[in-house]
Amino acid sequence: MRHAIHVSLLASSLAFSAGFAQAQDPSKIVSDYVKAAGGSKALSKIQTMTLEGTFTNTADGKPGTYTFDTKLPNRYYSELVVGDKNVIEAYNGKSAWHQSTTGDPGTLLGQEGLQLEAASSYYNARFLNLKKNKLALAFVGHAQVRGKDALQVEVTAPTGVKRQVFFDPQTHLIVKESGALGGVNEEIYYDDYRAMDRVMVSYKIELHRGSEVYAVDITRVAINGTVGERVFDFPIKSQVKLPDLKALFKEIDDNQKAIDKLKENYAGTRAEEETDFEKDGQVKKTEVKEYTFFYLNGDEVSTLVKKDGKALSDEEQKKENEKTQKEIEEIQKREAKKDAKDEKAKEEEKKDKDDEDVGIETFLRTCQFVNPRRERFHGQDVLVFDFEPNPEYKPRNIVEKIVQKLAGVIWIDEKAHDVARLEAYFVGDFRFAGGLLANLQKGTSFIFEQAYLNNEIWLPTYEEAHVGVRVLLVKGLKVNAITRYSDYKRFNVETLSTIEKPKSVGEAASDKPDN
């Protein structure tokens, strides 16, 4: 009898343990959610969703209205209206923007913009096709949401932006979400779920945004209603007329070619921070490297001097210096060969190189431009506009094929004739050699900034890349990399002498930009 009891208790314990382990599988948690929310078939048919409601601000008792729109593949719009004040957060598939109660609409930069982009992907994905949508899941643990048990899952976007989602273990529906949006911390509580077109929708939403709390009663739900692109774009009243882009881009391109020669008078420091991620979005490893560099015949020549904040040993530094010297000699030999060629060969080589370079004129040919506006950026007046692939243009080479896969936003200093900032992401996968060598995945994005220094030259100050790539059809990599350029100084490249301390270069390049 005692043996039978022990067997029975052991069986019960194993069953409980198996159930507990299963509950901790984040893919199982979201699978249960998908079923409870209406099933993958019903959710996958959602092209657009609109929620409209009313609320009373708990701080001052003022009434207001709430609007929330999503549209495939990556459009997002949230608006709170109290009296004549609007709070808007939006992502139009190219750029993120917002409007506060105290200012005009403005483009969101860096992490704040990435948060809007991640929210757009999250709300449109609805936990379907997680691999395709590049969303990683990790089980955090059990949590209390208003006195009840909930299962907490962390959702990580390709850019590293994280959102916490809490599921009811009984109904399997979402009861809470938390994360930052547009630089403001948010918590959203969901209650009173009802079926609309076979999809479960929360009709009571409590939004905690910063110090404000909005208790929203949803009064209208529309699934697959008409939601135009204008909903997500900058307000027309905030837009300006675009100048002659062909003329502007030619000025920028000519200016850039002149700058490429001036670059050889400058040297600086470059710090690279590279983070590798596991499949569930958790950090696998982070490496920080610091280089000194200068420009030689259009190439950036770098020497590693620190790893993870520590200077290299004498032996390691000697090897790095030897590598740099070898690189210098190879560049000089290559240039000597070019000088020995006849003019016809030089012209052909120059044409081939021009075809491989990504110039601003490449964007002019392969993209179309929308939402022009004027804003302030690092204390300067700039022209800002979004760009997206031009479907009518047939790319002529691999560079144009790559650029035509991009969408994003660009900041141009018209007076100084150059690009101050560029944000772009891949709207689709790009396959090298038909995908046999590598597949650069949709959502891969990058940011580039430069500053006007010494009243004569534009030089890079900041770069950020979020890369998803599958190599040789097997290995998948998710890497975030941040590069900061600083400590620019005059440098005589002809002597290749030891870099001296900077003298009169502006401080702009030595500080991290507002990201």
Protein backbone atom coordinates (compact mmCIF):
# COMPACT_ATOMS: atom_id res chain seq x y z
CA MET A 1 0.00 0.00 0.00
CA ARG A 2 2.81 2.40 1.00
CA HIS A 3 4.62 1.55 -2.26
CA ALA A 4 1.45 2.30 -4.24
CA ILE A 5 1.10 5.67 -2.47
CA HIS A 6 4.72 6.52 -3.26
CA VAL A 7 4.20 5.62 -6.92
CA SER A 8 1.03 7.68 -7.04
CA LEU A 9 2.75 10.69 -5.42
CA LEU A 10 5.72 10.34 -7.77
CA ALA A 11 3.43 10.21 -10.79
CA SER A 12 1.54 13.28 -9.60
CA SER A 13 4.81 15.10 -8.96
CA LEU A 14 6.12 14.28 -12.42
CA ALA A 15 2.85 15.36 -14.02
CA PHE A 16 2.95 18.65 -12.11
CA SER A 17 6.61 19.22 -13.02
CA ALA A 18 5.91 18.49 -16.68
CA GLY A 19 2.97 20.91 -16.67
CA PHE A 20 5.07 23.57 -14.96
CA ALA A 21 7.93 23.12 -17.43
CA GLN A 22 5.49 23.29 -20.31
CA ALA A 23 4.01 26.53 -18.93
CA GLN A 24 7.49 28.05 -18.92
CA ASP A 25 7.94 27.43 -22.65
CA PRO A 26 7.30 30.90 -24.13
CA SER A 27 6.32 29.46 -27.52
CA LYS A 28 3.63 27.37 -25.78
CA ILE A 29 2.39 30.43 -23.87
CA VAL A 30 1.97 32.50 -27.04
CA SER A 31 0.52 29.51 -28.91
CA ASP A 32 -2.18 29.26 -26.24
CA TYR A 33 -2.72 33.00 -26.57
CA VAL A 34 -3.16 32.78 -30.36
CA LYS A 35 -5.80 30.07 -29.93
CA ALA A 36 -7.61 32.02 -27.20
CA ALA A 37 -7.48 35.28 -29.18
CA GLY A 38 -9.31 33.76 -32.14
CA GLY A 39 -6.89 31.34 -33.77
CA SER A 40 -4.10 31.86 -36.28
CA LYS A 41 -6.52 31.82 -39.23
CA ALA A 42 -8.61 34.72 -37.91
CA LEU A 43 -5.63 36.72 -36.66
CA SER A 44 -3.71 36.30 -39.92
CA LYS A 45 -6.59 37.88 -41.84
CA ILE A 46 -6.26 41.17 -39.93
CA GLN A 47 -4.87 43.78 -42.31
CA THR A 48 -5.96 46.82 -40.29
CA MET A 49 -7.39 47.35 -36.83
CA THR A 50 -8.88 50.51 -35.34
CA LEU A 51 -9.81 51.07 -31.70
CA GLU A 52 -11.61 54.22 -30.61
CA GLY A 53 -12.64 55.10 -27.08
CA THR A 54 -13.18 57.71 -24.40
CA PHE A 55 -11.44 58.25 -21.09
CA THR A 56 -11.19 60.45 -18.07
CA ASN A 57 -7.75 61.59 -17.02
CA THR A 58 -7.41 60.41 -13.43
CA ALA A 59 -5.12 63.35 -12.57
CA ASP A 60 -7.43 66.24 -13.49
CA GLY A 61 -10.74 64.56 -14.35
CA LYS A 62 -10.74 65.96 -17.89
CA PRO A 63 -12.46 63.83 -20.55
CA GLY A 64 -10.71 62.82 -23.74
CA THR A 65 -10.68 60.49 -26.71
CA TYR A 66 -8.37 57.63 -27.66
CA THR A 67 -7.54 56.32 -31.15
CA PHE A 68 -5.32 53.35 -31.98
CA ASP A 69 -4.63 52.21 -35.57
CA THR A 70 -2.43 49.46 -36.96
CA LYS A 71 -1.93 48.43 -40.56
CA LEU A 72 0.21 45.74 -42.16
CA PRO A 73 3.08 45.45 -42.60
CA ASN A 74 4.41 48.00 -40.09
CA ARG A 75 2.16 51.00 -39.52
CA TYR A 76 1.29 52.27 -36.04
CA TYR A 77 -0.68 55.25 -34.73
CA SER A 78 -1.73 56.11 -31.16
CA GLU A 79 -3.48 59.34 -30.24
CA LEU A 80 -4.77 60.79 -26.98
CA VAL A 81 -6.82 63.99 -27.22
CA VAL A 82 -7.63 66.05 -24.12
CA GLY A 83 -9.39 69.30 -25.02
CA ASP A 84 -7.23 70.93 -27.70
CA LYS A 85 -4.12 68.97 -26.69
CA ASN A 86 -2.88 65.96 -28.65
CA VAL A 87 -0.38 63.28 -27.70
CA ILE A 88 0.54 61.27 -30.81
CA GLU A 89 3.03 58.43 -31.36
CA ALA A 90 3.30 57.09 -34.92
CA TYR A 91 5.40 54.99 -37.24
CA ASN A 92 4.74 55.24 -40.98
CA GLY A 93 7.00 52.41 -42.14
CA LYS A 94 9.91 54.77 -42.79
CA SER A 95 10.23 57.11 -39.82
CA ALA A 96 8.90 57.44 -36.29
CA TRP A 97 7.36 60.71 -35.14
CA HIS A 98 5.43 62.14 -32.23
CA GLN A 99 3.57 65.17 -31.04
CA SER A 100 3.44 66.19 -27.39
CA THR A 101 0.98 68.54 -25.71
CA THR A 102 3.56 71.32 -25.80
CA GLY A 103 5.08 71.15 -29.29
CA ASP A 104 4.80 70.52 -32.99
CA PRO A 105 5.24 67.11 -34.63
CA GLY A 106 8.85 65.97 -34.69
CA THR A 107 10.89 63.01 -35.89
CA LEU A 108 12.04 60.60 -33.17
CA LEU A 109 15.72 59.67 -33.22
CA GLY A 110 17.75 56.71 -32.04
CA GLN A 111 16.30 54.52 -29.31
CA GLU A 112 13.04 56.47 -29.15
CA GLY A 113 12.46 55.88 -32.85
CA LEU A 114 13.43 52.21 -32.56
CA GLN A 115 10.83 51.81 -29.80
CA LEU A 116 8.08 53.00 -32.17
CA GLU A 117 9.37 50.75 -34.93
CA ALA A 118 9.39 47.77 -32.56
CA ALA A 119 5.86 48.56 -31.35
CA SER A 120 4.63 48.64 -34.95
CA SER A 121 6.13 45.20 -35.65
CA TYR A 122 4.80 43.79 -32.38
CA TYR A 123 1.20 44.95 -32.76
CA ASN A 124 0.98 43.93 -36.41
CA ALA A 125 2.60 40.51 -35.87
CA ARG A 126 0.03 39.41 -33.22
CA PHE A 127 2.45 36.63 -32.19
CA LEU A 128 2.15 34.97 -35.62
CA ASN A 129 5.15 33.92 -37.73
CA LEU A 130 7.60 34.89 -35.00
CA LYS A 131 10.60 33.73 -37.02
CA LYS A 132 9.53 35.70 -40.09
CA ASN A 133 8.81 38.78 -37.98
CA LYS A 134 12.18 38.40 -36.19
CA LEU A 135 10.62 38.51 -32.71
CA ALA A 136 12.44 36.56 -29.99
CA LEU A 137 10.70 35.23 -26.87
CA ALA A 138 12.01 34.48 -23.40
CA PHE A 139 10.06 33.31 -20.35
CA VAL A 140 10.75 35.65 -17.41
CA GLY A 141 8.67 34.00 -14.68
CA HIS A 142 5.44 34.19 -12.74
CA ALA A 143 4.26 37.68 -11.83
CA GLN A 144 1.36 39.32 -10.05
CA VAL A 145 -0.94 41.52 -12.12
CA ARG A 146 -3.57 43.17 -9.95
CA GLY A 147 -3.41 40.40 -7.40
CA LYS A 148 -3.60 37.53 -9.86
CA ASP A 149 -0.97 35.16 -11.21
CA ALA A 150 0.36 35.91 -14.70
CA LEU A 151 3.03 34.47 -16.97
CA GLN A 152 5.61 37.08 -17.99
CA VAL A 153 7.23 36.78 -21.42
CA GLU A 154 9.88 39.12 -22.77
CA VAL A 155 9.58 39.97 -26.47
CA THR A 156 12.74 41.26 -28.15
CA ALA A 157 12.74 43.02 -31.53
CA PRO A 158 15.65 42.67 -34.00
CA THR A 159 16.95 46.05 -32.82
CA GLY A 160 17.15 44.83 -29.22
CA VAL A 161 14.08 46.77 -28.00
CA LYS A 162 12.27 44.72 -25.35
CA ARG A 163 8.63 44.57 -24.28
CA GLN A 164 7.20 42.68 -21.29
CA VAL A 165 3.93 40.84 -21.93
CA PHE A 166 1.86 39.23 -19.16
CA PHE A 167 -0.59 36.40 -19.94
CA ASP A 168 -3.47 35.09 -17.82
CA PRO A 169 -2.72 31.35 -17.28
CA GLN A 170 -6.45 30.61 -17.23
CA THR A 171 -7.80 32.56 -20.22
CA HIS A 172 -4.38 32.74 -21.97
CA LEU A 173 -5.16 36.34 -22.99
CA ILE A 174 -2.88 39.33 -22.44
CA VAL A 175 -3.60 41.19 -19.20
CA LYS A 176 -0.69 43.63 -19.23
CA GLU A 177 2.13 45.01 -21.37
CA SER A 178 5.01 47.23 -20.32
CA GLY A 179 7.92 48.93 -22.05
CA ALA A 180 9.16 52.26 -23.30
CA LEU A 181 7.50 54.02 -26.23
CA GLY A 182 8.96 57.18 -27.71
CA GLY A 183 11.20 57.51 -24.66
CA VAL A 184 8.29 57.34 -22.18
CA ASN A 185 7.68 54.32 -19.94
CA GLU A 186 4.26 52.75 -20.47
CA GLU A 187 2.14 50.12 -18.76
CA ILE A 188 -1.07 48.95 -20.39
CA TYR A 189 -3.70 46.83 -18.61
CA TYR A 190 -6.35 44.91 -20.58
CA ASP A 191 -9.77 43.76 -19.39
CA ASP A 192 -13.31 43.00 -20.59
CA TYR A 193 -12.43 40.93 -23.65
CA ARG A 194 -15.20 40.46 -26.24
CA ALA A 195 -15.31 38.77 -29.65
CA MET A 196 -15.26 40.98 -32.75
CA ASP A 197 -15.19 39.13 -36.08
CA ARG A 198 -13.98 36.04 -34.17
CA VAL A 199 -11.10 38.01 -32.65
CA MET A 200 -10.96 38.70 -28.91
CA VAL A 201 -10.60 42.43 -28.23
CA SER A 202 -10.18 44.22 -24.89
CA TYR A 203 -12.88 46.84 -24.34
CA LYS A 204 -11.29 48.28 -21.18
CA ILE A 205 -7.75 49.59 -21.44
CA GLU A 206 -5.89 51.38 -18.67
CA LEU A 207 -2.89 53.21 -20.08
CA HIS A 208 -0.16 54.40 -17.71
CA ARG A 209 2.06 56.78 -19.68
CA GLY A 210 4.74 58.44 -17.60
CA SER A 211 2.91 59.97 -14.65
CA GLU A 212 -0.44 60.10 -16.51
CA VAL A 213 -3.15 57.43 -16.26
CA TYR A 214 -5.90 57.06 -18.86
CA ALA A 215 -8.81 54.66 -18.19
CA VAL A 216 -10.15 54.03 -21.70
CA ASP A 217 -13.56 52.56 -22.54
CA ILE A 218 -13.47 51.29 -26.12
CA THR A 219 -16.57 52.44 -28.02
CA ARG A 220 -15.70 51.30 -31.54
CA VAL A 221 -13.67 48.44 -32.99
CA ALA A 222 -13.07 48.02 -36.73
CA ILE A 223 -11.17 45.09 -38.19
CA ASN A 224 -10.07 45.41 -41.83
CA GLY A 225 -11.72 48.78 -42.21
CA THR A 226 -10.22 51.40 -44.52
CA VAL A 227 -7.19 53.05 -42.94
CA GLY A 228 -5.30 55.26 -45.39
CA GLU A 229 -1.55 55.82 -45.39
CA ARG A 230 -2.11 59.49 -44.54
CA VAL A 231 -3.15 58.41 -41.02
CA PHE A 232 0.43 57.39 -40.23
CA ASP A 233 2.29 60.16 -42.07
CA PHE A 234 3.34 63.56 -40.80
CA PRO A 235 0.44 66.05 -40.72
CA ILE A 236 0.23 67.84 -44.05
CA LYS A 237 0.30 71.23 -42.28
CA SER A 238 3.77 70.34 -40.95
CA GLN A 239 5.17 69.48 -44.35
CA VAL A 240 7.08 71.73 -46.75
CA LYS A 241 7.76 71.68 -50.46
CA LEU A 242 10.76 69.64 -51.49
CA PRO A 243 13.50 71.53 -53.34
CA ASP A 244 14.91 70.33 -56.66
CA LEU A 245 16.33 67.04 -55.36
CA LYS A 246 18.40 66.38 -58.45
CA ALA A 247 20.21 69.70 -58.03
CA LEU A 248 20.48 69.29 -54.25
CA PHE A 249 21.87 65.77 -54.48
CA LYS A 250 24.40 66.84 -57.13
CA GLU A 251 25.64 69.58 -54.78
CA ILE A 252 25.91 67.03 -51.96
CA ASP A 253 27.69 64.50 -54.18
CA ASP A 254 30.18 67.09 -55.48
CA ASN A 255 30.79 68.28 -51.92
CA GLN A 256 31.36 64.71 -50.73
CA LYS A 257 33.99 64.09 -53.40
CA ALA A 258 35.86 67.21 -52.28
CA ILE A 259 35.57 66.06 -48.66
CA ASP A 260 37.04 62.64 -49.50
CA LYS A 261 40.31 64.36 -50.36
CA LEU A 262 40.24 66.57 -47.26
CA LYS A 263 39.74 63.49 -45.07
CA GLU A 264 43.37 62.60 -45.57
CA ASN A 265 44.29 65.57 -43.37
CA TYR A 266 42.48 64.05 -40.37
CA ALA A 267 42.92 61.18 -37.93
CA GLY A 268 40.85 60.11 -34.98
CA THR A 269 39.63 57.44 -32.60
CA ARG A 270 36.92 54.88 -33.29
CA ALA A 271 35.21 52.85 -30.55
CA GLU A 272 33.17 49.81 -31.60
CA GLU A 273 30.72 48.02 -29.33
CA GLU A 274 29.39 44.76 -30.77
CA THR A 275 26.69 42.66 -29.10
CA ASP A 276 25.74 39.14 -30.18
CA PHE A 277 22.32 37.76 -29.25
CA GLU A 278 20.93 34.30 -28.56
CA LYS A 279 17.78 33.11 -30.34
CA ASP A 280 15.61 34.24 -27.41
CA GLY A 281 16.96 37.78 -27.60
CA GLN A 282 19.25 37.46 -24.58
CA VAL A 283 22.75 38.87 -24.85
CA LYS A 284 25.31 36.22 -25.79
CA LYS A 285 28.41 38.40 -25.56
CA THR A 286 29.52 42.01 -25.88
CA GLU A 287 32.90 43.18 -27.13
CA VAL A 288 34.30 46.70 -27.11
CA LYS A 289 37.28 47.63 -29.26
CA GLU A 290 39.04 50.95 -29.70
CA TYR A 291 41.07 51.95 -32.74
CA THR A 292 43.12 54.89 -33.93
CA PHE A 293 42.67 55.60 -37.64
CA PHE A 294 43.47 57.87 -40.55
CA TYR A 295 42.53 58.02 -44.23
CA LEU A 296 44.87 57.04 -47.04
CA ASN A 297 43.83 57.25 -50.71
CA GLY A 298 40.17 56.98 -49.74
CA ASP A 299 40.64 54.00 -47.39
CA GLU A 300 40.32 54.10 -43.63
CA VAL A 301 43.48 52.64 -42.06
CA SER A 302 42.88 51.47 -38.48
CA THR A 303 45.03 50.18 -35.64
CA LEU A 304 43.52 48.33 -32.67
CA VAL A 305 44.73 49.82 -29.35
CA LYS A 306 42.24 48.59 -26.71
CA LYS A 307 39.95 45.61 -26.10
CA ASP A 308 37.16 45.81 -23.52
CA GLY A 309 38.69 48.93 -22.02
CA LYS A 310 42.19 47.46 -21.59
CA ALA A 311 45.24 48.52 -23.57
CA LEU A 312 46.91 45.81 -25.64
CA SER A 313 50.09 44.23 -24.34
CA ASP A 314 53.36 45.34 -25.92
CA GLU A 315 53.50 42.15 -27.99
CA GLU A 316 49.87 42.49 -29.14
CA GLN A 317 50.38 46.15 -30.03
CA LYS A 318 53.49 45.30 -32.02
CA LYS A 319 51.51 42.80 -34.10
CA GLU A 320 48.72 45.34 -34.68
CA ASN A 321 51.22 47.99 -35.77
CA GLU A 322 52.80 45.51 -38.18
CA LYS A 323 49.37 44.75 -39.65
CA THR A 324 48.74 48.46 -40.12
CA GLN A 325 52.11 48.97 -41.80
CA LYS A 326 51.39 46.07 -44.14
CA GLU A 327 48.00 47.59 -45.02
CA ILE A 328 49.65 50.95 -45.76
CA GLU A 329 52.18 49.29 -48.07
CA GLU A 330 49.43 47.40 -49.92
CA ILE A 331 47.44 50.62 -50.47
CA GLN A 332 50.56 52.41 -51.70
CA LYS A 333 51.40 49.55 -54.10
CA ARG A 334 47.86 49.60 -55.44
CA GLU A 335 48.07 53.34 -56.03
CA ALA A 336 51.45 52.95 -57.73
CA LYS A 337 49.92 50.42 -60.13
CA LYS A 338 47.09 52.84 -60.87
CA ASP A 339 49.59 55.61 -61.66
CA ALA A 340 51.36 53.30 -64.10
CA LYS A 341 48.19 52.57 -66.05
CA ASP A 342 47.24 54.48 -69.16
CA GLU A 343 44.40 56.99 -69.05
CA LYS A 344 41.87 54.64 -70.68
CA ALA A 345 42.46 51.91 -68.06
CA LYS A 346 42.18 54.50 -65.29
CA GLU A 347 38.83 55.73 -66.61
CA GLU A 348 37.47 52.18 -66.83
CA GLU A 349 38.64 51.43 -63.29
CA LYS A 350 37.12 54.69 -62.03
CA LYS A 351 33.80 53.79 -63.67
CA ASP A 352 33.83 50.36 -62.05
CA LYS A 353 34.56 51.93 -58.65
CA ASP A 354 31.81 54.52 -59.10
CA ASP A 355 29.36 51.70 -59.86
CA GLU A 356 30.32 50.02 -56.58
CA ASP A 357 30.12 53.15 -54.39
CA VAL A 358 26.92 54.10 -52.60
CA GLY A 359 26.49 57.80 -53.27
CA ILE A 360 23.54 60.04 -52.46
CA GLU A 361 22.69 60.05 -56.18
CA THR A 362 22.08 56.28 -55.92
CA PHE A 363 19.16 57.02 -53.59
CA LEU A 364 17.87 59.64 -56.04
CA ARG A 365 17.68 57.01 -58.81
CA THR A 366 16.29 54.08 -56.84
CA CYS A 367 14.02 55.70 -54.24
CA GLN A 368 11.05 58.02 -53.98
CA PHE A 369 10.75 60.74 -51.33
CA VAL A 370 7.78 61.74 -49.15
CA ASN A 371 6.84 63.67 -46.00
CA PRO A 372 9.29 66.61 -46.34
CA ARG A 373 9.57 68.81 -43.24
CA ARG A 374 11.99 71.23 -41.63
CA GLU A 375 13.35 70.52 -38.16
CA ARG A 376 16.24 71.35 -35.84
CA PHE A 377 19.07 68.82 -35.55
CA HIS A 378 22.13 69.37 -33.34
CA GLY A 379 21.41 73.10 -33.33
CA GLN A 380 21.05 73.41 -37.11
CA ASP A 381 18.06 73.86 -39.40
CA VAL A 382 17.75 70.79 -41.60
CA LEU A 383 15.51 69.40 -44.30
CA VAL A 384 14.07 66.01 -43.34
CA PHE A 385 12.18 63.59 -45.55
CA ASP A 386 11.33 59.90 -45.75
CA PHE A 387 12.36 57.63 -48.59
CA GLU A 388 11.13 54.26 -49.83
CA PRO A 389 11.87 51.97 -52.81
CA ASN A 390 10.80 53.25 -56.22
CA PRO A 391 8.97 50.23 -57.70
CA GLU A 392 9.23 51.62 -61.24
CA TYR A 393 13.03 51.77 -61.30
CA LYS A 394 15.02 48.78 -62.62
CA PRO A 395 18.35 48.54 -60.71
CA ARG A 396 21.48 48.26 -62.87
CA ASN A 397 23.97 46.77 -60.40
CA ILE A 398 24.21 45.15 -56.97
CA VAL A 399 24.57 48.51 -55.18
CA GLU A 400 21.31 49.78 -56.67
CA LYS A 401 19.63 46.46 -55.86
CA ILE A 402 20.65 46.86 -52.23
CA VAL A 403 19.57 50.50 -51.97
CA GLN A 404 16.23 49.70 -53.60
CA LYS A 405 15.52 47.35 -50.68
CA LEU A 406 15.81 50.24 -48.21
CA ALA A 407 13.33 52.60 -46.60
CA GLY A 408 14.02 55.24 -44.00
CA VAL A 409 14.55 58.90 -43.25
CA ILE A 410 17.29 61.39 -44.11
CA TRP A 411 18.40 64.71 -42.56
CA ILE A 412 20.12 67.18 -44.93
CA ASP A 413 21.92 70.39 -44.05
CA GLU A 414 21.16 72.42 -47.18
CA LYS A 415 23.55 75.24 -46.33
CA ALA A 416 26.52 72.94 -45.73
CA HIS A 417 25.52 70.65 -48.62
CA ASP A 418 25.72 67.29 -46.87
CA VAL A 419 23.81 64.56 -45.06
CA ALA A 420 23.75 65.06 -41.29
CA ARG A 421 21.93 61.81 -40.49
CA LEU A 422 20.55 58.78 -42.31
CA GLU A 423 18.37 55.99 -40.93
CA ALA A 424 17.47 53.03 -43.13
CA TYR A 425 16.20 49.47 -42.87
CA PHE A 426 15.67 46.59 -45.28
CA VAL A 427 12.03 46.19 -46.30
CA GLY A 428 12.75 42.65 -47.52
CA ASP A 429 15.45 40.00 -47.40
CA PHE A 430 18.47 40.54 -49.63
CA ARG A 431 20.18 37.40 -50.89
CA PHE A 432 23.80 37.29 -51.93
CA ALA A 433 24.43 34.67 -54.66
CA GLY A 434 20.80 33.66 -54.52
CA GLY A 435 21.03 33.10 -50.77
CA LEU A 436 23.80 30.51 -51.06
CA LEU A 437 26.43 32.77 -49.49
CA ALA A 438 24.32 34.90 -47.18
CA ASN A 439 20.81 36.20 -46.62
CA LEU A 440 20.61 39.71 -45.15
CA GLN A 441 17.29 39.57 -43.36
CA LYS A 442 14.33 41.93 -43.49
CA GLY A 443 14.47 44.44 -40.65
CA THR A 444 18.25 44.79 -40.74
CA SER A 445 18.82 48.49 -40.12
CA PHE A 446 21.51 51.10 -39.70
CA ILE A 447 22.00 54.71 -38.57
CA PHE A 448 24.71 57.06 -39.77
CA GLU A 449 25.59 60.51 -38.46
CA GLN A 450 28.28 63.01 -39.34
CA ALA A 451 29.16 66.52 -38.21
CA TYR A 452 30.68 69.60 -39.83
CA LEU A 453 34.07 70.14 -38.18
CA ASN A 454 36.67 72.89 -38.32
CA ASN A 455 34.42 74.82 -40.72
CA GLU A 456 35.76 72.76 -43.60
CA ILE A 457 34.81 69.08 -43.49
CA TRP A 458 32.06 66.58 -42.72
CA LEU A 459 33.31 63.56 -40.76
CA PRO A 460 31.44 60.56 -39.29
CA THR A 461 30.53 60.77 -35.60
CA TYR A 462 28.17 57.85 -34.98
CA GLU A 463 27.03 54.63 -36.61
CA GLU A 464 24.60 51.99 -35.41
CA ALA A 465 23.71 48.70 -37.10
CA HIS A 466 21.20 45.99 -36.22
CA VAL A 467 22.02 43.02 -38.38
CA GLY A 468 20.19 39.75 -38.94
CA VAL A 469 21.97 37.49 -41.41
CA ARG A 470 21.94 33.81 -42.32
CA VAL A 471 25.29 32.58 -43.65
CA LEU A 472 25.67 29.58 -46.02
CA LEU A 473 22.02 28.59 -45.45
CA VAL A 474 22.88 27.40 -41.95
CA LYS A 475 24.20 29.83 -39.36
CA GLY A 476 21.92 32.64 -38.24
CA LEU A 477 23.50 35.72 -36.64
CA LYS A 478 21.89 38.60 -34.75
CA VAL A 479 24.32 41.40 -34.03
CA ASN A 480 23.96 44.99 -32.83
CA ALA A 481 26.97 47.23 -33.38
CA ILE A 482 27.54 50.83 -32.26
CA THR A 483 30.50 52.86 -33.50
CA ARG A 484 31.51 56.22 -32.04
CA TYR A 485 34.08 58.47 -33.73
CA SER A 486 35.90 61.05 -31.64
CA ASP A 487 39.11 62.95 -30.99
CA TYR A 488 39.55 64.16 -34.58
CA LYS A 489 42.79 66.03 -35.24
CA ARG A 490 44.91 67.30 -38.09
CA PHE A 491 47.24 64.68 -39.49
CA ASN A 492 49.91 64.70 -42.22
CA VAL A 493 49.18 61.45 -44.04
CA GLU A 494 52.26 61.76 -46.26
CA THR A 495 54.64 61.38 -43.34
CA LEU A 496 52.54 58.67 -41.62
CA SER A 497 53.96 60.05 -38.40
CA THR A 498 52.70 59.50 -34.86
CA ILE A 499 49.33 61.15 -34.32
CA GLU A 500 49.58 64.26 -32.23
CA LYS A 501 47.03 65.63 -29.82
CA PRO A 502 44.14 67.62 -31.39
CA LYS A 503 44.49 71.38 -31.49
CA SER A 504 41.58 73.31 -32.93
CA VAL A 505 38.99 70.77 -33.99
CA GLY A 506 35.45 71.30 -32.68
CA GLU A 507 34.17 69.18 -29.84
CA ALA A 508 31.12 67.88 -31.73
CA ALA A 509 32.80 64.68 -32.82
CA SER A 510 33.97 63.79 -29.32
CA ASP A 511 30.48 63.53 -27.86
CA LYS A 512 27.88 60.87 -28.44
CA PRO A 513 25.00 62.25 -30.54
CA ASP A 514 21.46 62.55 -29.16
CA ASN A 515 20.23 59.00 -29.79
